[in-house]
Protein backbone atom coordinates (compact mmCIF):
# COMPACT_ATOMS: atom_id res chain seq x y z
CA MET A 1 144.65 94.40 69.32
CA THR A 2 145.98 97.90 69.80
CA ARG A 3 142.49 99.25 69.41
CA PHE A 4 141.26 96.97 72.19
CA ILE A 5 144.09 98.09 74.52
CA LEU A 6 143.29 101.72 73.72
CA TYR A 7 139.59 101.19 74.58
CA VAL A 8 140.47 99.40 77.84
CA CYS A 9 142.80 102.25 78.84
CA MET A 10 140.11 104.82 78.02
CA ALA A 11 137.60 102.87 80.13
CA PHE A 12 140.02 102.74 83.09
CA VAL A 13 140.78 106.45 82.86
CA THR A 14 137.07 107.27 82.62
CA ALA A 15 136.28 105.03 85.59
CA PHE A 16 139.10 106.60 87.63
CA VAL A 17 137.95 110.14 86.86
CA GLY A 18 134.30 109.26 87.56
CA VAL A 19 135.07 107.56 90.89
CA SER A 20 137.34 110.37 92.06
CA TRP A 21 134.70 112.95 91.06
CA ALA A 22 131.99 111.00 92.91
CA SER A 23 134.17 110.62 96.00
CA ARG A 24 134.46 114.42 96.17
CA GLY A 25 130.67 114.82 96.06
CA PHE A 26 130.35 115.65 92.35
CA PRO A 27 131.74 119.20 92.65
CA MET A 28 131.12 121.62 89.80
CA ARG A 29 132.97 124.84 89.43
CA PHE A 30 130.67 127.75 88.69
CA PRO A 31 131.43 131.39 89.25
CA SER A 32 129.74 132.46 92.48
CA PRO A 33 127.19 135.27 92.33
CA VAL A 34 128.42 138.59 93.66
CA GLY A 35 125.67 139.21 96.22
CA ALA A 36 125.41 135.70 97.68
CA GLN A 37 124.25 135.64 101.29
CA PRO A 38 123.47 132.79 103.63
CA LEU A 39 119.81 131.76 103.65
CA GLU A 40 117.61 133.02 106.45
CA PRO A 41 115.19 130.64 108.18
CA THR A 42 111.60 131.11 107.02
CA VAL A 43 109.86 129.27 109.84
CA SER A 44 109.08 131.56 112.72
CA ALA A 45 107.68 128.91 115.08
CA THR A 46 109.30 128.55 118.44
CA PHE A 47 109.03 125.95 121.17
CA GLY A 48 105.82 126.41 123.11
CA ASP A 49 104.23 128.51 120.38
CA ASN A 50 100.47 127.94 120.41
CA SER A 51 99.48 130.15 117.48
CA SER A 52 98.10 127.15 115.56
CA GLU A 53 95.85 126.30 118.52
CA LYS A 54 94.63 129.89 118.64
CA LYS A 55 93.93 129.74 114.91
CA ARG A 56 91.90 126.51 115.35
CA GLU A 57 89.94 128.08 118.21
CA ARG A 58 89.24 131.17 116.12
CA LEU A 59 88.03 129.01 113.23
CA ALA A 60 85.80 127.02 115.59
CA GLU A 61 84.28 130.23 116.95
CA GLN A 62 83.63 131.47 113.42
CA GLN A 63 81.94 128.19 112.53
CA LEU A 64 79.70 128.33 115.59
CA GLN A 65 78.47 131.76 114.49
CA ASP A 66 78.05 130.70 110.85
CA PRO A 67 74.35 130.39 109.86
CA GLU A 68 75.24 127.39 107.68
CA ASN A 69 76.37 125.59 110.82
CA ALA A 70 72.82 125.51 112.22
CA LYS A 71 71.67 123.74 109.04
CA ARG A 72 73.97 120.83 109.91
CA ASN A 73 72.36 120.27 113.33
CA PRO A 74 69.67 117.88 112.01
CA LEU A 75 72.42 115.77 110.41
CA ARG A 76 74.31 115.74 113.69
CA ALA A 77 71.20 114.85 115.69
CA ASP A 78 70.24 112.02 113.31
CA THR A 79 73.74 110.57 113.41
CA LEU A 80 73.92 110.85 117.20
CA GLN A 81 70.54 109.15 117.56
CA ALA A 82 71.44 106.36 115.10
CA ALA A 83 74.84 105.74 116.72
CA THR A 84 73.36 105.66 120.21
CA GLY A 85 70.56 103.35 119.04
CA TYR A 86 73.02 100.96 117.43
CA ALA A 87 75.29 100.98 120.48
CA LEU A 88 72.31 100.02 122.65
CA SER A 89 70.96 97.40 120.23
CA PRO A 90 73.69 96.15 117.87
CA CYS A 91 71.72 93.01 116.91
CA ASP A 92 68.88 94.94 115.27
CA LYS A 93 69.22 95.14 111.46
CA THR A 94 67.09 98.31 111.36
CA MET A 95 69.46 100.05 113.78
CA LYS A 96 72.41 99.11 111.59
CA ALA A 97 70.64 100.41 108.47
CA ASN A 98 69.81 103.67 110.28
CA LEU A 99 73.41 104.02 111.47
CA VAL A 100 74.85 103.41 108.01
CA ALA A 101 72.42 105.88 106.37
CA ALA A 102 72.95 108.62 108.97
CA THR A 103 76.72 108.17 109.03
CA ARG A 104 76.84 108.21 105.24
CA ALA A 105 74.98 111.56 105.14
CA TYR A 106 77.15 112.99 107.94
CA ALA A 107 80.38 111.86 106.26
CA MET A 108 79.18 113.11 102.87
CA ALA A 109 78.69 116.61 104.31
CA TYR A 110 82.13 116.44 105.96
CA SER A 111 83.85 115.32 102.76
CA GLU A 112 82.07 118.00 100.71
CA ILE A 113 83.49 120.72 102.96
CA GLY A 114 86.94 119.15 102.93
CA LYS A 115 87.01 118.45 99.19
CA CYS A 116 90.32 119.57 97.75
CA ASN A 117 92.77 118.33 95.16
CA PRO A 118 96.26 118.49 96.70
CA MET A 119 97.80 118.16 93.25
CA PHE A 120 96.83 121.69 92.27
CA ARG A 121 96.79 123.70 95.50
CA ASN A 122 97.53 123.79 99.21
CA CYS A 123 94.66 122.01 100.98
CA ASP A 124 95.58 122.87 104.57
CA PRO A 125 93.13 125.80 104.84
CA VAL A 126 90.33 123.64 103.41
CA TYR A 127 91.07 120.80 105.83
CA ASP A 128 91.32 123.25 108.74
CA LYS A 129 87.91 124.69 107.86
CA ALA A 130 86.34 121.21 107.60
CA ASN A 131 87.84 120.15 110.92
CA ALA A 132 86.71 123.38 112.58
CA THR A 133 83.22 122.97 111.16
CA TYR A 134 82.99 119.45 112.58
CA SER A 135 84.46 120.19 116.00
CA THR A 136 81.47 121.75 117.73
CA PRO A 137 80.45 120.26 121.08
CA LEU A 138 77.61 118.37 119.38
CA ASP A 139 80.06 117.01 116.80
CA LEU A 140 82.33 115.76 119.56
CA ARG A 141 79.39 113.89 121.07
CA VAL A 142 78.55 112.47 117.63
CA ARG A 143 82.14 111.29 117.15
CA GLU A 144 82.18 109.60 120.55
CA ALA A 145 78.87 107.87 119.81
CA LEU A 146 80.12 106.76 116.37
CA HIS A 147 83.29 105.38 117.91
CA GLU A 148 81.30 103.44 120.49
CA ALA A 149 78.94 102.08 117.82
CA PHE A 150 81.78 101.04 115.51
CA GLU A 151 83.57 99.28 118.36
CA LYS A 152 80.45 97.17 119.09
CA GLY A 153 81.06 95.24 115.86
CA GLY A 154 78.83 94.48 112.93
CA VAL A 155 79.53 97.73 111.12
CA SER A 156 82.78 98.68 109.40
CA LYS A 157 84.23 100.85 106.68
CA ALA A 158 83.19 98.19 104.15
CA ASP A 159 79.54 99.25 104.65
CA PHE A 160 80.29 102.61 103.01
CA PRO A 161 81.26 103.63 99.47
CA PRO A 162 85.02 103.81 98.84
CA GLY A 163 84.94 107.60 98.47
CA LEU A 164 83.52 108.02 101.98
CA GLN A 165 85.46 105.33 103.83
CA MET A 166 88.30 107.65 104.84
CA ALA A 167 85.89 110.32 106.11
CA VAL A 168 83.87 107.72 108.04
CA MET A 169 87.00 106.26 109.64
CA SER A 170 88.27 109.69 110.68
CA LEU A 171 84.89 110.74 112.08
CA ALA A 172 84.40 107.47 113.98
CA ASN A 173 88.08 107.18 114.88
CA SER A 174 87.75 103.47 114.10
CA GLN A 175 87.65 101.10 111.14
CA GLY A 176 84.92 99.12 112.80
CA ASN A 177 84.58 95.37 112.89
CA PRO A 178 82.49 93.51 110.31
CA MET A 179 81.96 90.62 112.75
CA SER A 180 78.94 91.28 114.92
CA ALA A 181 78.94 90.33 118.58
CA CYS A 182 75.37 89.08 118.07
CA GLU A 183 76.34 86.26 115.73
CA GLY A 184 76.98 82.92 117.33
CA PRO A 185 80.17 80.96 116.60
CA ALA A 186 78.37 78.74 114.07
CA GLU A 187 77.17 81.76 112.07
CA GLN A 188 80.65 83.29 112.05
CA VAL A 189 82.19 80.06 110.71
CA ARG A 190 79.69 79.91 107.82
CA ARG A 191 80.82 83.30 106.55
């Protein structure tokens, strides 16, 4: 019995010490270093600072002058043509197939440029380069046409492989709608 009382007392003392230590924020007493100074802020950004915009503009200018950029123009033109064709005729299965094929090639090129493993390195420069590469005036027209085509219905992210779905959604700025506006109510119910 005395052993039990001793253990209960030890448990109460331990609980009291633990709670009082926790209520003080778990302080630990270490000798302070001699040359300790307060930390200086490392971020030099200020309100109204537009250095990141200037950097994006500089990257976009570099990409426009890059000879590799001209090689992407056929991809852009094919995607623009397919997206415009689908937006004008969303009921045509051939137009949908052309749109999916062209968008897949366009998104594949975008994801190849932006391929980076964030586990092992900082991917911001890679993403900035990919976004600058795909922000030419023709690319902006392609993105608008893709958005319009995806909003028509009948095409969605499910039409693309899982590895490209994120790139397709970001380029089209839409997830799309698998339900086509061309299908009648009876056809939609059967699905």
